[in-house]
Amino acid sequence: MEKLHPVITGHEFAGTIVQTGKYVEHVNIGDNVVCECIIWCGVCRNCRFGLTSSCLNLSELGTMKNGGFAEYV
């Protein structure tokens, strides 16, 4: 199980892209964005059936992983 605390809180946040990864194609530096704070795996049975809110490996920014109050997310 993931460590729940301490984490940097903050979910439902917005920001500006300051850096992108090698394979990022749909956003550019300077773009304003909002964040989906729920992270689903995409490979478990529930995700494969489109039930991502019931992901067996679900994680969440701001509660299980550092969130929007971090300097960079």
C-alpha atoms as a PDB file:
ATOM      1  CA  MET A   1       0.000   0.000   0.000  1.00  0.00           C
ATOM      2  CA  GLU A   2       1.190   3.487  -0.771  1.00  0.00           C
ATOM      3  CA  LYS A   3       2.247   5.775   2.019  1.00  0.00           C
ATOM      4  CA  LEU A   4      -0.657   8.170   2.644  1.00  0.00           C
ATOM      5  CA  HIS A   5       1.106  10.843   4.724  1.00  0.00           C
ATOM      6  CA  PRO A   6       3.035  13.051   4.677  1.00  0.00           C
ATOM      7  CA  VAL A   7       2.185  14.252   1.207  1.00  0.00           C
ATOM      8  CA  ILE A   8       1.837  17.718  -0.240  1.00  0.00           C
ATOM      9  CA  THR A   9      -1.915  18.272  -0.467  1.00  0.00           C
ATOM     10  CA  GLY A  10      -3.960  19.878  -3.201  1.00  0.00           C
ATOM     11  CA  HIS A  11      -6.318  18.392  -5.753  1.00  0.00           C
ATOM     12  CA  GLU A  12      -8.508  19.994  -8.405  1.00  0.00           C
ATOM     13  CA  PHE A  13      -5.785  22.414  -9.465  1.00  0.00           C
ATOM     14  CA  ALA A  14      -4.658  24.298 -12.545  1.00  0.00           C
ATOM     15  CA  GLY A  15      -1.282  25.478 -13.769  1.00  0.00           C
ATOM     16  CA  THR A  16       0.961  26.362 -16.680  1.00  0.00           C
ATOM     17  CA  ILE A  17       3.177  23.890 -18.536  1.00  0.00           C
ATOM     18  CA  VAL A  18       6.838  24.762 -17.881  1.00  0.00           C
ATOM     19  CA  GLN A  19       8.455  21.580 -19.217  1.00  0.00           C
ATOM     20  CA  THR A  20       7.383  18.556 -21.246  1.00  0.00           C
ATOM     21  CA  GLY A  21       8.693  15.045 -21.619  1.00  0.00           C
ATOM     22  CA  LYS A  22      10.178  13.477 -24.716  1.00  0.00           C
ATOM     23  CA  TYR A  23       6.929  11.851 -25.870  1.00  0.00           C
ATOM     24  CA  VAL A  24       4.466  14.643 -25.002  1.00  0.00           C
ATOM     25  CA  GLU A  25       2.576  15.770 -28.117  1.00  0.00           C
ATOM     26  CA  HIS A  26      -0.684  17.434 -27.063  1.00  0.00           C
ATOM     27  CA  VAL A  27       0.481  20.277 -24.794  1.00  0.00           C
ATOM     28  CA  ASN A  28       3.153  22.910 -25.156  1.00  0.00           C
ATOM     29  CA  ILE A  29       5.236  25.009 -22.779  1.00  0.00           C
ATOM     30  CA  GLY A  30       3.116  27.990 -21.747  1.00  0.00           C
ATOM     31  CA  ASP A  31      -0.232  26.182 -22.107  1.00  0.00           C
ATOM     32  CA  ASN A  32      -2.698  26.618 -19.250  1.00  0.00           C
ATOM     33  CA  VAL A  33      -3.999  23.271 -18.002  1.00  0.00           C
ATOM     34  CA  VAL A  34      -6.195  21.691 -15.348  1.00  0.00           C
ATOM     35  CA  CYS A  35      -5.373  18.425 -13.646  1.00  0.00           C
ATOM     36  CA  GLU A  36      -7.298  15.198 -13.327  1.00  0.00           C
ATOM     37  CA  CYS A  37      -6.298  14.266  -9.787  1.00  0.00           C
ATOM     38  CA  ILE A  38      -7.380  10.629 -10.052  1.00  0.00           C
ATOM     39  CA  ILE A  39      -4.745   8.333 -11.515  1.00  0.00           C
ATOM     40  CA  TRP A  40      -5.962   5.003 -12.838  1.00  0.00           C
ATOM     41  CA  CYS A  41      -3.742   2.209 -14.121  1.00  0.00           C
ATOM     42  CA  GLY A  42      -5.481   1.530 -17.445  1.00  0.00           C
ATOM     43  CA  VAL A  43      -4.664  -2.177 -17.318  1.00  0.00           C
ATOM     44  CA  CYS A  44      -6.716  -3.764 -14.523  1.00  0.00           C
ATOM     45  CA  ARG A  45     -10.023  -5.444 -15.361  1.00  0.00           C
ATOM     46  CA  ASN A  46     -12.113  -2.459 -14.276  1.00  0.00           C
ATOM     47  CA  CYS A  47     -10.060  -0.011 -16.342  1.00  0.00           C
ATOM     48  CA  ARG A  48     -10.248  -2.260 -19.403  1.00  0.00           C
ATOM     49  CA  PHE A  49     -14.051  -2.216 -19.093  1.00  0.00           C
ATOM     50  CA  GLY A  50     -14.068   1.593 -18.855  1.00  0.00           C
ATOM     51  CA  LEU A  51     -14.760   1.654 -15.108  1.00  0.00           C
ATOM     52  CA  THR A  52     -11.747   3.812 -14.285  1.00  0.00           C
ATOM     53  CA  SER A  53     -13.336   5.248 -11.138  1.00  0.00           C
ATOM     54  CA  SER A  54     -13.271   1.682  -9.787  1.00  0.00           C
ATOM     55  CA  CYS A  55      -9.630   1.033 -10.755  1.00  0.00           C
ATOM     56  CA  LEU A  56      -8.075  -1.680  -8.627  1.00  0.00           C
ATOM     57  CA  ASN A  57      -4.813   0.316  -8.517  1.00  0.00           C
ATOM     58  CA  LEU A  58      -6.311   3.792  -8.114  1.00  0.00           C
ATOM     59  CA  SER A  59      -4.158   6.606  -6.779  1.00  0.00           C
ATOM     60  CA  GLU A  60      -4.912  10.277  -6.231  1.00  0.00           C
ATOM     61  CA  LEU A  61      -2.832  13.440  -6.368  1.00  0.00           C
ATOM     62  CA  GLY A  62      -3.065  15.457  -3.173  1.00  0.00           C
ATOM     63  CA  THR A  63      -3.953  12.525  -0.928  1.00  0.00           C
ATOM     64  CA  MET A  64      -1.804   9.559  -1.983  1.00  0.00           C
ATOM     65  CA  LYS A  65       0.817  11.378  -4.075  1.00  0.00           C
ATOM     66  CA  ASN A  66       2.095  14.957  -3.868  1.00  0.00           C
ATOM     67  CA  GLY A  67      -0.537  17.339  -5.207  1.00  0.00           C
ATOM     68  CA  GLY A  68      -1.201  20.871  -6.364  1.00  0.00           C
ATOM     69  CA  PHE A  69       0.441  22.728  -3.490  1.00  0.00           C
ATOM     70  CA  ALA A  70       3.826  21.385  -4.629  1.00  0.00           C
ATOM     71  CA  GLU A  71       6.027  23.815  -6.539  1.00  0.00           C
ATOM     72  CA  TYR A  72       5.897  21.513  -9.596  1.00  0.00           C
ATOM     73  CA  VAL A  73       3.550  18.643 -10.331  1.00  0.00           C
END
